Amino acid sequence: MDTETDTANGAWTDPGDGWAPRRTGRRLGAWGAGLLFAGVSAVVGCRVADTDGVTPVPQLLAFLPWLLVPTGAGLLLTLLARWWTGAVWGVALLGLLAWFIEPYGKSVEPAGPPVAEVRVLTSNVEFGQGTDALIATVRREKPDLVFVQECESTCDAALRRDLAADYPHRRAVEGDGSKGSVILSTFPLKAAPAVPGTMGMPGAVADVRGHPVRLQLAHPMPPLADRVGLWREELDALRDAAATAVTGDGDGGAPVVLAGDFNASQDHAAFRRILDTGLRDAARLAGEDRTPSWPARTLPVFGVFGVQIDHVLVSEDFAARDARFLDLADTDHRALVVDLTLHAAAG
């Protein structure tokens, strides 16, 4: 039998050599899968170790569910390359991702009788650009408490002009750009310490139908590549404030509402430590734990692409009946509205 073929037609001179490109393709497939799995494993490993690691891990942790995409692609490559060890690696990663995508934190219902209904709205208006849309939303939704981040001087002036009649009580940290923040309330407010940070995080105590409720606005630094340490420090400061409010330094704390742009999701260890103080995520309680809130401008294009970094956290005194993420013009964050029921202490 003649083993020679027509090289002009692109055939091989020896049929046995036809396995060479297949072997090369399988090697490339295995290498590609290995690189994908290595990157995902670095992020998942930090999630398993309950740490946020260093750049770029904190940034990638925010989008943990989306790591299913490179993991799935790598698994397909392992099958094409017939790399069975890699296939086991990929399946293990898929299992871990599925496990960690589940909601974090407790969801126990309050035991005491209901005493008040409270609607809360939080919104980052992106350097004040979304102020007009926020004002229209507040007038439509009629929340009892409004937490506004990145409310610079023009935003602050607009809120005073247009909402003061309906929200006569306020606490604010004034500042330009992203530094200004405001809490508006239909309930009387007393002063409470602000949480120190690069951006304003005012606090207050609201008198809700005769029940004191500790309010705290959250807006720590985002985890920029060169600011991860500062981001972690400011989330830790919020955790300390939450722990003090929940426990009352050992003498029984008041009900707590901690709301704002946390620049963190449930996949960040620093955020989970805030939940571990005894707070619950209202969106999770209402079944909206993975609804994205940022970046809002990508949502119409990518559907579910994004991450939930805007939260309303509440103490165990509250039940959440509903949570809705609303699109606002001229800001890269969606507003979050939650309907809460405050319960008296059991017993």
C-alpha atoms as a PDB file:
ATOM      1  CA  MET A   1       0.000   0.000   0.000  1.00  0.00           C
ATOM      2  CA  ASP A   2       1.336   3.397  -0.997  1.00  0.00           C
ATOM      3  CA  THR A   3       1.583   5.660   2.088  1.00  0.00           C
ATOM      4  CA  GLU A   4       2.465   8.773   0.098  1.00  0.00           C
ATOM      5  CA  THR A   5      -0.232  11.352  -0.638  1.00  0.00           C
ATOM      6  CA  ASP A   6      -0.527  14.524  -2.647  1.00  0.00           C
ATOM      7  CA  THR A   7       1.143  17.234  -0.543  1.00  0.00           C
ATOM      8  CA  ALA A   8      -0.245  19.896  -2.884  1.00  0.00           C
ATOM      9  CA  ASN A   9      -3.699  19.066  -1.533  1.00  0.00           C
ATOM     10  CA  GLY A  10      -2.504  19.693   2.031  1.00  0.00           C
ATOM     11  CA  ALA A  11      -2.363  15.998   3.030  1.00  0.00           C
ATOM     12  CA  TRP A  12       0.333  14.369   5.140  1.00  0.00           C
ATOM     13  CA  THR A  13       3.041  12.208   3.607  1.00  0.00           C
ATOM     14  CA  ASP A  14       2.486   9.558   6.301  1.00  0.00           C
ATOM     15  CA  PRO A  15      -0.974   8.792   7.732  1.00  0.00           C
ATOM     16  CA  GLY A  16       0.655   8.133  11.091  1.00  0.00           C
ATOM     17  CA  ASP A  17       1.688  11.793  11.328  1.00  0.00           C
ATOM     18  CA  GLY A  18      -1.989  12.833  11.340  1.00  0.00           C
ATOM     19  CA  TRP A  19      -2.041  12.372  15.101  1.00  0.00           C
ATOM     20  CA  ALA A  20       0.467  15.199  15.649  1.00  0.00           C
ATOM     21  CA  PRO A  21      -1.950  18.118  15.168  1.00  0.00           C
ATOM     22  CA  ARG A  22      -4.504  16.320  17.347  1.00  0.00           C
ATOM     23  CA  ARG A  23      -1.982  15.922  20.141  1.00  0.00           C
ATOM     24  CA  THR A  24      -1.002  19.572  19.799  1.00  0.00           C
ATOM     25  CA  GLY A  25      -4.652  20.651  19.903  1.00  0.00           C
ATOM     26  CA  ARG A  26      -5.268  18.592  23.013  1.00  0.00           C
ATOM     27  CA  ARG A  27      -2.232  20.060  24.718  1.00  0.00           C
ATOM     28  CA  LEU A  28      -3.395  23.586  23.913  1.00  0.00           C
ATOM     29  CA  GLY A  29      -6.882  22.758  25.163  1.00  0.00           C
ATOM     30  CA  ALA A  30      -5.499  21.368  28.397  1.00  0.00           C
ATOM     31  CA  TRP A  31      -3.255  24.400  28.879  1.00  0.00           C
ATOM     32  CA  GLY A  32      -6.157  26.760  28.225  1.00  0.00           C
ATOM     33  CA  ALA A  33      -8.363  24.913  30.695  1.00  0.00           C
ATOM     34  CA  GLY A  34      -5.585  24.883  33.270  1.00  0.00           C
ATOM     35  CA  LEU A  35      -5.094  28.639  33.006  1.00  0.00           C
ATOM     36  CA  LEU A  36      -8.838  29.272  33.372  1.00  0.00           C
ATOM     37  CA  PHE A  37      -9.089  26.933  36.348  1.00  0.00           C
ATOM     38  CA  ALA A  38      -6.014  28.441  38.001  1.00  0.00           C
ATOM     39  CA  GLY A  39      -7.492  31.939  37.848  1.00  0.00           C
ATOM     40  CA  VAL A  40     -10.867  30.806  39.175  1.00  0.00           C
ATOM     41  CA  SER A  41      -9.197  28.681  41.856  1.00  0.00           C
ATOM     42  CA  ALA A  42      -7.305  31.714  43.210  1.00  0.00           C
ATOM     43  CA  VAL A  43     -10.588  33.553  43.744  1.00  0.00           C
ATOM     44  CA  VAL A  44     -12.530  30.550  45.030  1.00  0.00           C
ATOM     45  CA  GLY A  45      -9.636  29.656  47.327  1.00  0.00           C
ATOM     46  CA  CYS A  46      -9.897  33.063  49.007  1.00  0.00           C
ATOM     47  CA  ARG A  47     -13.649  32.540  49.353  1.00  0.00           C
ATOM     48  CA  VAL A  48     -13.036  29.165  51.004  1.00  0.00           C
ATOM     49  CA  ALA A  49     -10.428  30.726  53.311  1.00  0.00           C
ATOM     50  CA  ASP A  50     -12.878  33.535  54.235  1.00  0.00           C
ATOM     51  CA  THR A  51     -10.503  36.273  53.100  1.00  0.00           C
ATOM     52  CA  ASP A  52     -10.648  38.941  50.412  1.00  0.00           C
ATOM     53  CA  GLY A  53      -7.002  38.565  49.443  1.00  0.00           C
ATOM     54  CA  VAL A  54      -5.196  41.172  47.369  1.00  0.00           C
ATOM     55  CA  THR A  55      -5.864  42.784  44.007  1.00  0.00           C
ATOM     56  CA  PRO A  56      -7.393  41.506  41.737  1.00  0.00           C
ATOM     57  CA  VAL A  57      -9.156  39.028  44.039  1.00  0.00           C
ATOM     58  CA  PRO A  58     -11.458  41.539  45.839  1.00  0.00           C
ATOM     59  CA  GLN A  59     -12.593  42.956  42.502  1.00  0.00           C
ATOM     60  CA  LEU A  60     -13.257  39.480  41.064  1.00  0.00           C
ATOM     61  CA  LEU A  61     -15.026  38.287  44.211  1.00  0.00           C
ATOM     62  CA  ALA A  62     -17.711  40.890  43.575  1.00  0.00           C
ATOM     63  CA  PHE A  63     -18.636  38.996  40.412  1.00  0.00           C
ATOM     64  CA  LEU A  64     -18.310  35.495  41.869  1.00  0.00           C
ATOM     65  CA  PRO A  65     -21.396  34.021  40.105  1.00  0.00           C
ATOM     66  CA  TRP A  66     -19.948  35.059  36.758  1.00  0.00           C
ATOM     67  CA  LEU A  67     -16.932  32.815  37.356  1.00  0.00           C
ATOM     68  CA  LEU A  68     -19.232  30.014  36.270  1.00  0.00           C
ATOM     69  CA  VAL A  69     -18.557  31.200  32.687  1.00  0.00           C
ATOM     70  CA  PRO A  70     -14.758  30.637  32.555  1.00  0.00           C
ATOM     71  CA  THR A  71     -15.181  27.478  34.621  1.00  0.00           C
ATOM     72  CA  GLY A  72     -17.709  26.099  32.155  1.00  0.00           C
ATOM     73  CA  ALA A  73     -15.463  27.048  29.239  1.00  0.00           C
ATOM     74  CA  GLY A  74     -12.506  25.327  30.887  1.00  0.00           C
ATOM     75  CA  LEU A  75     -14.558  22.207  31.526  1.00  0.00           C
ATOM     76  CA  LEU A  76     -15.513  22.062  27.856  1.00  0.00           C
ATOM     77  CA  LEU A  77     -11.836  22.338  26.910  1.00  0.00           C
ATOM     78  CA  THR A  78     -10.932  19.463  29.234  1.00  0.00           C
ATOM     79  CA  LEU A  79     -13.511  17.254  27.536  1.00  0.00           C
ATOM     80  CA  LEU A  80     -12.220  18.154  24.073  1.00  0.00           C
ATOM     81  CA  ALA A  81      -8.644  17.551  25.248  1.00  0.00           C
ATOM     82  CA  ARG A  82      -9.637  14.354  27.082  1.00  0.00           C
ATOM     83  CA  TRP A  83      -7.873  15.704  30.175  1.00  0.00           C
ATOM     84  CA  TRP A  84      -9.788  13.809  32.835  1.00  0.00           C
ATOM     85  CA  THR A  85      -7.858  15.160  35.825  1.00  0.00           C
ATOM     86  CA  GLY A  86      -8.713  18.657  34.638  1.00  0.00           C
ATOM     87  CA  ALA A  87     -12.357  17.642  34.250  1.00  0.00           C
ATOM     88  CA  VAL A  88     -12.441  16.633  37.923  1.00  0.00           C
ATOM     89  CA  TRP A  89     -10.837  19.978  38.813  1.00  0.00           C
ATOM     90  CA  GLY A  90     -13.482  21.836  36.812  1.00  0.00           C
ATOM     91  CA  VAL A  91     -16.391  19.907  38.339  1.00  0.00           C
ATOM     92  CA  ALA A  92     -15.028  20.636  41.824  1.00  0.00           C
ATOM     93  CA  LEU A  93     -14.862  24.342  41.012  1.00  0.00           C
ATOM     94  CA  LEU A  94     -18.429  24.310  39.694  1.00  0.00           C
ATOM     95  CA  GLY A  95     -19.594  22.665  42.907  1.00  0.00           C
ATOM     96  CA  LEU A  96     -17.842  25.227  45.097  1.00  0.00           C
ATOM     97  CA  LEU A  97     -19.207  28.141  43.063  1.00  0.00           C
ATOM     98  CA  ALA A  98     -22.733  26.744  43.277  1.00  0.00           C
ATOM     99  CA  TRP A  99     -22.335  26.375  47.038  1.00  0.00           C
ATOM    100  CA  PHE A 100     -21.098  29.941  47.559  1.00  0.00           C
ATOM    101  CA  ILE A 101     -23.751  31.477  45.301  1.00  0.00           C
ATOM    102  CA  GLU A 102     -26.333  30.503  47.928  1.00  0.00           C
ATOM    103  CA  PRO A 103     -27.435  33.410  50.176  1.00  0.00           C
ATOM    104  CA  TYR A 104     -25.280  34.146  53.207  1.00  0.00           C
ATOM    105  CA  GLY A 105     -26.559  35.003  56.664  1.00  0.00           C
ATOM    106  CA  LYS A 106     -29.517  34.213  58.873  1.00  0.00           C
ATOM    107  CA  SER A 107     -33.152  34.740  57.921  1.00  0.00           C
ATOM    108  CA  VAL A 108     -35.033  34.121  61.171  1.00  0.00           C
ATOM    109  CA  GLU A 109     -38.347  35.959  61.541  1.00  0.00           C
ATOM    110  CA  PRO A 110     -38.807  38.227  64.595  1.00  0.00           C
ATOM    111  CA  ALA A 111     -40.677  36.634  67.483  1.00  0.00           C
ATOM    112  CA  GLY A 112     -42.308  39.743  68.987  1.00  0.00           C
ATOM    113  CA  PRO A 113     -45.509  41.505  67.871  1.00  0.00           C
ATOM    114  CA  PRO A 114     -45.364  44.085  65.032  1.00  0.00           C
ATOM    115  CA  VAL A 115     -45.347  47.715  66.163  1.00  0.00           C
ATOM    116  CA  ALA A 116     -44.582  49.809  63.051  1.00  0.00           C
ATOM    117  CA  GLU A 117     -44.262  49.699  59.270  1.00  0.00           C
ATOM    118  CA  VAL A 118     -41.180  51.410  57.810  1.00  0.00           C
ATOM    119  CA  ARG A 119     -40.266  51.969  54.156  1.00  0.00           C
ATOM    120  CA  VAL A 120     -36.569  52.596  53.477  1.00  0.00           C
ATOM    121  CA  LEU A 121     -34.960  53.891  50.282  1.00  0.00           C
ATOM    122  CA  THR A 122     -31.228  54.052  49.609  1.00  0.00           C
ATOM    123  CA  SER A 123     -29.635  55.576  46.525  1.00  0.00           C
ATOM    124  CA  ASN A 124     -26.182  56.540  45.292  1.00  0.00           C
ATOM    125  CA  VAL A 125     -26.813  59.528  42.980  1.00  0.00           C
ATOM    126  CA  GLU A 126     -23.285  59.533  41.419  1.00  0.00           C
ATOM    127  CA  PHE A 127     -21.843  62.938  42.310  1.00  0.00           C
ATOM    128  CA  GLY A 128     -25.361  64.393  42.521  1.00  0.00           C
ATOM    129  CA  GLN A 129     -26.182  63.679  38.881  1.00  0.00           C
ATOM    130  CA  GLY A 130     -29.189  61.503  39.747  1.00  0.00           C
ATOM    131  CA  THR A 131     -30.724  63.980  42.200  1.00  0.00           C
ATOM    132  CA  ASP A 132     -33.729  64.934  40.056  1.00  0.00           C
ATOM    133  CA  ALA A 133     -34.548  61.267  39.410  1.00  0.00           C
ATOM    134  CA  LEU A 134     -34.162  60.533  43.124  1.00  0.00           C
ATOM    135  CA  ILE A 135     -36.538  63.331  44.117  1.00  0.00           C
ATOM    136  CA  ALA A 136     -39.162  62.067  41.669  1.00  0.00           C
ATOM    137  CA  THR A 137     -38.723  58.528  43.014  1.00  0.00           C
ATOM    138  CA  VAL A 138     -39.023  59.660  46.631  1.00  0.00           C
ATOM    139  CA  ARG A 139     -42.243  61.512  45.837  1.00  0.00           C
ATOM    140  CA  ARG A 140     -43.654  58.424  44.140  1.00  0.00           C
ATOM    141  CA  GLU A 141     -42.486  55.775  46.621  1.00  0.00           C
ATOM    142  CA  LYS A 142     -42.988  57.857  49.800  1.00  0.00           C
ATOM    143  CA  PRO A 143     -40.348  56.148  51.943  1.00  0.00           C
ATOM    144  CA  ASP A 144     -40.117  56.973  55.649  1.00  0.00           C
ATOM    145  CA  LEU A 145     -36.305  56.941  55.620  1.00  0.00           C
ATOM    146  CA  VAL A 146     -34.038  58.016  52.751  1.00  0.00           C
ATOM    147  CA  PHE A 147     -30.285  57.319  52.637  1.00  0.00           C
ATOM    148  CA  VAL A 148     -28.446  59.271  49.908  1.00  0.00           C
ATOM    149  CA  GLN A 149     -24.798  58.781  48.948  1.00  0.00           C
ATOM    150  CA  GLU A 150     -22.592  61.036  46.783  1.00  0.00           C
ATOM    151  CA  CYS A 151     -24.892  63.963  47.540  1.00  0.00           C
ATOM    152  CA  GLU A 152     -22.670  66.992  46.940  1.00  0.00           C
ATOM    153  CA  SER A 153     -23.690  70.641  47.477  1.00  0.00           C
ATOM    154  CA  THR A 154     -26.175  70.979  44.596  1.00  0.00           C
ATOM    155  CA  CYS A 155     -27.820  67.691  45.549  1.00  0.00           C
ATOM    156  CA  ASP A 156     -28.015  68.756  49.184  1.00  0.00           C
ATOM    157  CA  ALA A 157     -29.577  72.082  48.210  1.00  0.00           C
ATOM    158  CA  ALA A 158     -32.146  70.362  45.953  1.00  0.00           C
ATOM    159  CA  LEU A 159     -33.158  67.944  48.715  1.00  0.00           C
ATOM    160  CA  ARG A 160     -33.595  70.858  51.142  1.00  0.00           C
ATOM    161  CA  ARG A 161     -35.651  72.808  48.602  1.00  0.00           C
ATOM    162  CA  ASP A 162     -37.904  70.036  47.294  1.00  0.00           C
ATOM    163  CA  LEU A 163     -38.235  67.518  50.139  1.00  0.00           C
ATOM    164  CA  ALA A 164     -37.925  69.498  53.384  1.00  0.00           C
ATOM    165  CA  ALA A 165     -41.701  69.768  53.839  1.00  0.00           C
ATOM    166  CA  ASP A 166     -42.161  65.980  53.734  1.00  0.00           C
ATOM    167  CA  TYR A 167     -38.825  65.143  55.385  1.00  0.00           C
ATOM    168  CA  PRO A 168     -38.240  67.756  58.073  1.00  0.00           C
ATOM    169  CA  HIS A 169     -35.623  65.675  59.891  1.00  0.00           C
ATOM    170  CA  ARG A 170     -32.139  65.133  58.498  1.00  0.00           C
ATOM    171  CA  ARG A 171     -28.577  64.229  59.322  1.00  0.00           C
ATOM    172  CA  ALA A 172     -25.814  64.927  56.839  1.00  0.00           C
ATOM    173  CA  VAL A 173     -22.101  64.978  56.213  1.00  0.00           C
ATOM    174  CA  GLU A 174     -21.439  67.749  53.722  1.00  0.00           C
ATOM    175  CA  GLY A 175     -18.791  67.361  51.058  1.00  0.00           C
ATOM    176  CA  ASP A 176     -17.974  67.771  47.384  1.00  0.00           C
ATOM    177  CA  GLY A 177     -17.978  64.997  44.821  1.00  0.00           C
ATOM    178  CA  SER A 178     -18.592  61.613  46.406  1.00  0.00           C
ATOM    179  CA  LYS A 179     -18.016  62.769  49.997  1.00  0.00           C
ATOM    180  CA  GLY A 180     -21.466  64.174  50.809  1.00  0.00           C
ATOM    181  CA  SER A 181     -24.166  61.942  52.321  1.00  0.00           C
ATOM    182  CA  VAL A 182     -27.639  62.610  53.754  1.00  0.00           C
ATOM    183  CA  ILE A 183     -30.242  60.778  55.840  1.00  0.00           C
ATOM    184  CA  LEU A 184     -33.797  62.129  55.453  1.00  0.00           C
ATOM    185  CA  SER A 185     -36.597  61.068  57.779  1.00  0.00           C
ATOM    186  CA  THR A 186     -40.276  61.561  58.447  1.00  0.00           C
ATOM    187  CA  PHE A 187     -39.523  60.438  62.015  1.00  0.00           C
ATOM    188  CA  PRO A 188     -37.831  62.724  64.551  1.00  0.00           C
ATOM    189  CA  LEU A 189     -34.065  62.216  64.669  1.00  0.00           C
ATOM    190  CA  LYS A 190     -31.478  62.531  67.400  1.00  0.00           C
ATOM    191  CA  ALA A 191     -27.777  62.889  66.769  1.00  0.00           C
ATOM    192  CA  ALA A 192     -25.587  59.792  66.735  1.00  0.00           C
ATOM    193  CA  PRO A 193     -21.893  59.404  65.935  1.00  0.00           C
ATOM    194  CA  ALA A 194     -20.905  59.228  62.283  1.00  0.00           C
ATOM    195  CA  VAL A 195     -18.606  56.442  61.152  1.00  0.00           C
ATOM    196  CA  PRO A 196     -15.286  57.989  60.100  1.00  0.00           C
ATOM    197  CA  GLY A 197     -14.346  57.428  56.483  1.00  0.00           C
ATOM    198  CA  THR A 198     -13.107  58.985  53.275  1.00  0.00           C
ATOM    199  CA  MET A 199     -16.741  59.615  52.295  1.00  0.00           C
ATOM    200  CA  GLY A 200     -19.506  60.791  54.611  1.00  0.00           C
ATOM    201  CA  MET A 201     -21.271  58.161  56.734  1.00  0.00           C
ATOM    202  CA  PRO A 202     -23.692  59.994  59.069  1.00  0.00           C
ATOM    203  CA  GLY A 203     -25.671  58.319  61.847  1.00  0.00           C
ATOM    204  CA  ALA A 204     -28.842  59.092  63.777  1.00  0.00           C
ATOM    205  CA  VAL A 205     -31.433  57.651  66.145  1.00  0.00           C
ATOM    206  CA  ALA A 206     -35.008  57.760  64.824  1.00  0.00           C
ATOM    207  CA  ASP A 207     -38.099  57.820  66.997  1.00  0.00           C
ATOM    208  CA  VAL A 208     -40.295  55.288  65.162  1.00  0.00           C
ATOM    209  CA  ARG A 209     -43.712  55.358  66.827  1.00  0.00           C
ATOM    210  CA  GLY A 210     -42.056  55.661  70.221  1.00  0.00           C
ATOM    211  CA  HIS A 211     -39.334  53.072  69.498  1.00  0.00           C
ATOM    212  CA  PRO A 212     -35.706  54.258  69.118  1.00  0.00           C
ATOM    213  CA  VAL A 213     -34.088  52.886  65.942  1.00  0.00           C
ATOM    214  CA  ARG A 214     -30.391  53.351  65.240  1.00  0.00           C
ATOM    215  CA  LEU A 215     -29.749  54.552  61.689  1.00  0.00           C
ATOM    216  CA  GLN A 216     -26.375  54.402  59.961  1.00  0.00           C
ATOM    217  CA  LEU A 217     -25.501  55.314  56.393  1.00  0.00           C
ATOM    218  CA  ALA A 218     -22.804  53.206  54.725  1.00  0.00           C
ATOM    219  CA  HIS A 219     -20.442  54.407  52.005  1.00  0.00           C
ATOM    220  CA  PRO A 220     -16.923  52.997  52.389  1.00  0.00           C
ATOM    221  CA  MET A 221     -14.232  53.379  49.774  1.00  0.00           C
ATOM    222  CA  PRO A 222     -14.503  51.062  46.751  1.00  0.00           C
ATOM    223  CA  PRO A 223     -11.837  48.345  46.459  1.00  0.00           C
ATOM    224  CA  LEU A 224      -9.663  50.178  43.952  1.00  0.00           C
ATOM    225  CA  ALA A 225      -6.396  48.438  43.110  1.00  0.00           C
ATOM    226  CA  ASP A 226      -4.339  50.724  45.372  1.00  0.00           C
ATOM    227  CA  ARG A 227      -7.034  51.230  48.048  1.00  0.00           C
ATOM    228  CA  VAL A 228      -7.973  47.691  49.077  1.00  0.00           C
ATOM    229  CA  GLY A 229      -6.512  48.208  52.556  1.00  0.00           C
ATOM    230  CA  LEU A 230      -8.537  51.384  53.068  1.00  0.00           C
ATOM    231  CA  TRP A 231     -11.687  49.685  51.721  1.00  0.00           C
ATOM    232  CA  ARG A 232     -11.229  46.879  54.250  1.00  0.00           C
ATOM    233  CA  GLU A 233     -10.560  49.331  57.114  1.00  0.00           C
ATOM    234  CA  GLU A 234     -13.729  51.310  56.422  1.00  0.00           C
ATOM    235  CA  LEU A 235     -15.869  48.174  56.166  1.00  0.00           C
ATOM    236  CA  ASP A 236     -14.367  47.070  59.482  1.00  0.00           C
ATOM    237  CA  ALA A 237     -15.347  50.452  60.975  1.00  0.00           C
ATOM    238  CA  LEU A 238     -18.935  49.838  59.836  1.00  0.00           C
ATOM    239  CA  ARG A 239     -18.777  46.362  61.373  1.00  0.00           C
ATOM    240  CA  ASP A 240     -17.639  47.835  64.693  1.00  0.00           C
ATOM    241  CA  ALA A 241     -20.431  50.422  64.599  1.00  0.00           C
ATOM    242  CA  ALA A 242     -22.984  47.719  63.781  1.00  0.00           C
ATOM    243  CA  ALA A 243     -21.749  45.476  66.598  1.00  0.00           C
ATOM    244  CA  THR A 244     -21.990  48.330  69.097  1.00  0.00           C
ATOM    245  CA  ALA A 245     -25.494  49.271  67.923  1.00  0.00           C
ATOM    246  CA  VAL A 246     -26.781  45.687  67.969  1.00  0.00           C
ATOM    247  CA  THR A 247     -25.411  44.842  71.422  1.00  0.00           C
ATOM    248  CA  GLY A 248     -25.611  48.294  73.006  1.00  0.00           C
ATOM    249  CA  ASP A 249     -22.238  47.630  74.644  1.00  0.00           C
ATOM    250  CA  GLY A 250     -23.793  44.753  76.528  1.00  0.00           C
ATOM    251  CA  ASP A 251     -26.902  46.516  77.845  1.00  0.00           C
ATOM    252  CA  GLY A 252     -29.222  45.581  74.975  1.00  0.00           C
ATOM    253  CA  GLY A 253     -29.087  47.490  71.716  1.00  0.00           C
ATOM    254  CA  ALA A 254     -31.810  49.300  69.804  1.00  0.00           C
ATOM    255  CA  PRO A 255     -33.187  48.087  66.471  1.00  0.00           C
ATOM    256  CA  VAL A 256     -30.736  48.933  63.674  1.00  0.00           C
ATOM    257  CA  VAL A 257     -31.005  49.994  60.009  1.00  0.00           C
ATOM    258  CA  LEU A 258     -27.647  50.178  58.211  1.00  0.00           C
ATOM    259  CA  ALA A 259     -28.125  51.211  54.585  1.00  0.00           C
ATOM    260  CA  GLY A 260     -26.209  52.546  51.618  1.00  0.00           C
ATOM    261  CA  ASP A 261     -23.601  51.746  49.007  1.00  0.00           C
ATOM    262  CA  PHE A 262     -21.287  49.252  50.712  1.00  0.00           C
ATOM    263  CA  ASN A 263     -19.037  48.766  47.669  1.00  0.00           C
ATOM    264  CA  ALA A 264     -19.129  45.094  48.674  1.00  0.00           C
ATOM    265  CA  SER A 265     -21.269  42.029  48.115  1.00  0.00           C
ATOM    266  CA  GLN A 266     -22.008  38.929  50.160  1.00  0.00           C
ATOM    267  CA  ASP A 267     -18.992  37.323  48.488  1.00  0.00           C
ATOM    268  CA  HIS A 268     -16.620  39.675  50.326  1.00  0.00           C
ATOM    269  CA  ALA A 269     -15.397  38.508  53.727  1.00  0.00           C
ATOM    270  CA  ALA A 270     -15.368  42.074  55.060  1.00  0.00           C
ATOM    271  CA  PHE A 271     -19.080  42.419  54.259  1.00  0.00           C
ATOM    272  CA  ARG A 272     -19.968  39.033  55.732  1.00  0.00           C
ATOM    273  CA  ARG A 273     -18.351  40.118  59.003  1.00  0.00           C
ATOM    274  CA  ILE A 274     -20.880  42.965  59.163  1.00  0.00           C
ATOM    275  CA  LEU A 275     -23.699  40.430  58.783  1.00  0.00           C
ATOM    276  CA  ASP A 276     -22.080  38.315  61.475  1.00  0.00           C
ATOM    277  CA  THR A 277     -22.787  41.064  64.034  1.00  0.00           C
ATOM    278  CA  GLY A 278     -26.434  39.966  63.924  1.00  0.00           C
ATOM    279  CA  LEU A 279     -27.718  41.985  60.979  1.00  0.00           C
ATOM    280  CA  ARG A 280     -29.767  40.562  58.096  1.00  0.00           C
ATOM    281  CA  ASP A 281     -29.810  41.700  54.473  1.00  0.00           C
ATOM    282  CA  ALA A 282     -33.357  42.921  53.746  1.00  0.00           C
ATOM    283  CA  ALA A 283     -33.073  42.054  50.046  1.00  0.00           C
ATOM    284  CA  ARG A 284     -32.160  38.487  50.976  1.00  0.00           C
ATOM    285  CA  LEU A 285     -35.113  38.296  53.406  1.00  0.00           C
ATOM    286  CA  ALA A 286     -37.396  39.404  50.559  1.00  0.00           C
ATOM    287  CA  GLY A 287     -35.921  36.946  48.043  1.00  0.00           C
ATOM    288  CA  GLU A 288     -33.816  39.445  46.051  1.00  0.00           C
ATOM    289  CA  ASP A 289     -30.362  38.490  47.299  1.00  0.00           C
ATOM    290  CA  ARG A 290     -28.642  38.330  43.878  1.00  0.00           C
ATOM    291  CA  THR A 291     -30.451  41.181  42.117  1.00  0.00           C
ATOM    292  CA  PRO A 292     -27.716  43.476  40.746  1.00  0.00           C
ATOM    293  CA  SER A 293     -27.597  47.150  41.709  1.00  0.00           C
ATOM    294  CA  TRP A 294     -24.353  48.231  39.995  1.00  0.00           C
ATOM    295  CA  PRO A 295     -23.227  49.065  37.334  1.00  0.00           C
ATOM    296  CA  ALA A 296     -26.742  50.136  36.382  1.00  0.00           C
ATOM    297  CA  ARG A 297     -25.851  51.340  32.879  1.00  0.00           C
ATOM    298  CA  THR A 298     -24.910  47.815  31.796  1.00  0.00           C
ATOM    299  CA  LEU A 299     -28.104  46.182  33.034  1.00  0.00           C
ATOM    300  CA  PRO A 300     -30.319  46.837  29.982  1.00  0.00           C
ATOM    301  CA  VAL A 301     -27.606  45.367  27.735  1.00  0.00           C
ATOM    302  CA  PHE A 302     -26.497  42.370  29.741  1.00  0.00           C
ATOM    303  CA  GLY A 303     -29.717  41.621  31.603  1.00  0.00           C
ATOM    304  CA  VAL A 304     -28.442  40.256  34.901  1.00  0.00           C
ATOM    305  CA  PHE A 305     -24.844  41.432  34.598  1.00  0.00           C
ATOM    306  CA  GLY A 306     -23.758  43.317  37.656  1.00  0.00           C
ATOM    307  CA  VAL A 307     -23.422  42.915  41.390  1.00  0.00           C
ATOM    308  CA  GLN A 308     -25.490  43.833  44.426  1.00  0.00           C
ATOM    309  CA  ILE A 309     -23.432  46.321  46.436  1.00  0.00           C
ATOM    310  CA  ASP A 310     -26.317  48.531  47.617  1.00  0.00           C
ATOM    311  CA  HIS A 311     -27.893  47.067  50.738  1.00  0.00           C
ATOM    312  CA  VAL A 312     -30.318  47.686  53.567  1.00  0.00           C
ATOM    313  CA  LEU A 313     -29.160  45.690  56.582  1.00  0.00           C
ATOM    314  CA  VAL A 314     -31.463  45.343  59.584  1.00  0.00           C
ATOM    315  CA  SER A 315     -31.320  43.839  63.046  1.00  0.00           C
ATOM    316  CA  GLU A 316     -33.430  40.844  64.018  1.00  0.00           C
ATOM    317  CA  ASP A 317     -36.177  43.229  65.194  1.00  0.00           C
ATOM    318  CA  PHE A 318     -37.248  43.708  61.569  1.00  0.00           C
ATOM    319  CA  ALA A 319     -39.016  41.567  58.996  1.00  0.00           C
ATOM    320  CA  ALA A 320     -38.759  42.479  55.305  1.00  0.00           C
ATOM    321  CA  ARG A 321     -41.964  42.170  53.259  1.00  0.00           C
ATOM    322  CA  ASP A 322     -40.698  43.463  49.935  1.00  0.00           C
ATOM    323  CA  ALA A 323     -37.522  44.691  48.214  1.00  0.00           C
ATOM    324  CA  ARG A 324     -37.350  46.418  44.840  1.00  0.00           C
ATOM    325  CA  PHE A 325     -34.408  47.728  42.818  1.00  0.00           C
ATOM    326  CA  LEU A 326     -35.372  50.797  40.788  1.00  0.00           C
ATOM    327  CA  ASP A 327     -33.657  52.309  37.755  1.00  0.00           C
ATOM    328  CA  LEU A 328     -32.816  56.003  38.175  1.00  0.00           C
ATOM    329  CA  ALA A 329     -31.629  58.228  35.345  1.00  0.00           C
ATOM    330  CA  ASP A 330     -28.123  59.734  35.416  1.00  0.00           C
ATOM    331  CA  THR A 331     -26.611  57.446  38.047  1.00  0.00           C
ATOM    332  CA  ASP A 332     -24.702  54.180  37.798  1.00  0.00           C
ATOM    333  CA  HIS A 333     -26.538  52.678  40.799  1.00  0.00           C
ATOM    334  CA  ARG A 334     -30.054  51.364  41.091  1.00  0.00           C
ATOM    335  CA  ALA A 335     -32.033  52.586  44.076  1.00  0.00           C
ATOM    336  CA  LEU A 336     -33.239  50.022  46.596  1.00  0.00           C
ATOM    337  CA  VAL A 337     -36.620  50.291  48.326  1.00  0.00           C
ATOM    338  CA  VAL A 338     -37.539  47.876  51.125  1.00  0.00           C
ATOM    339  CA  ASP A 339     -40.708  47.571  53.179  1.00  0.00           C
ATOM    340  CA  LEU A 340     -39.933  46.611  56.760  1.00  0.00           C
ATOM    341  CA  THR A 341     -42.000  45.687  59.775  1.00  0.00           C
ATOM    342  CA  LEU A 342     -40.565  46.593  63.166  1.00  0.00           C
ATOM    343  CA  HIS A 343     -41.352  44.063  65.901  1.00  0.00           C
ATOM    344  CA  ALA A 344     -41.235  44.551  69.630  1.00  0.00           C
ATOM    345  CA  ALA A 345     -38.819  42.448  71.631  1.00  0.00           C
ATOM    346  CA  ALA A 346     -40.199  38.978  72.366  1.00  0.00           C
ATOM    347  CA  GLY A 347     -41.335  38.146  75.866  1.00  0.00           C
END
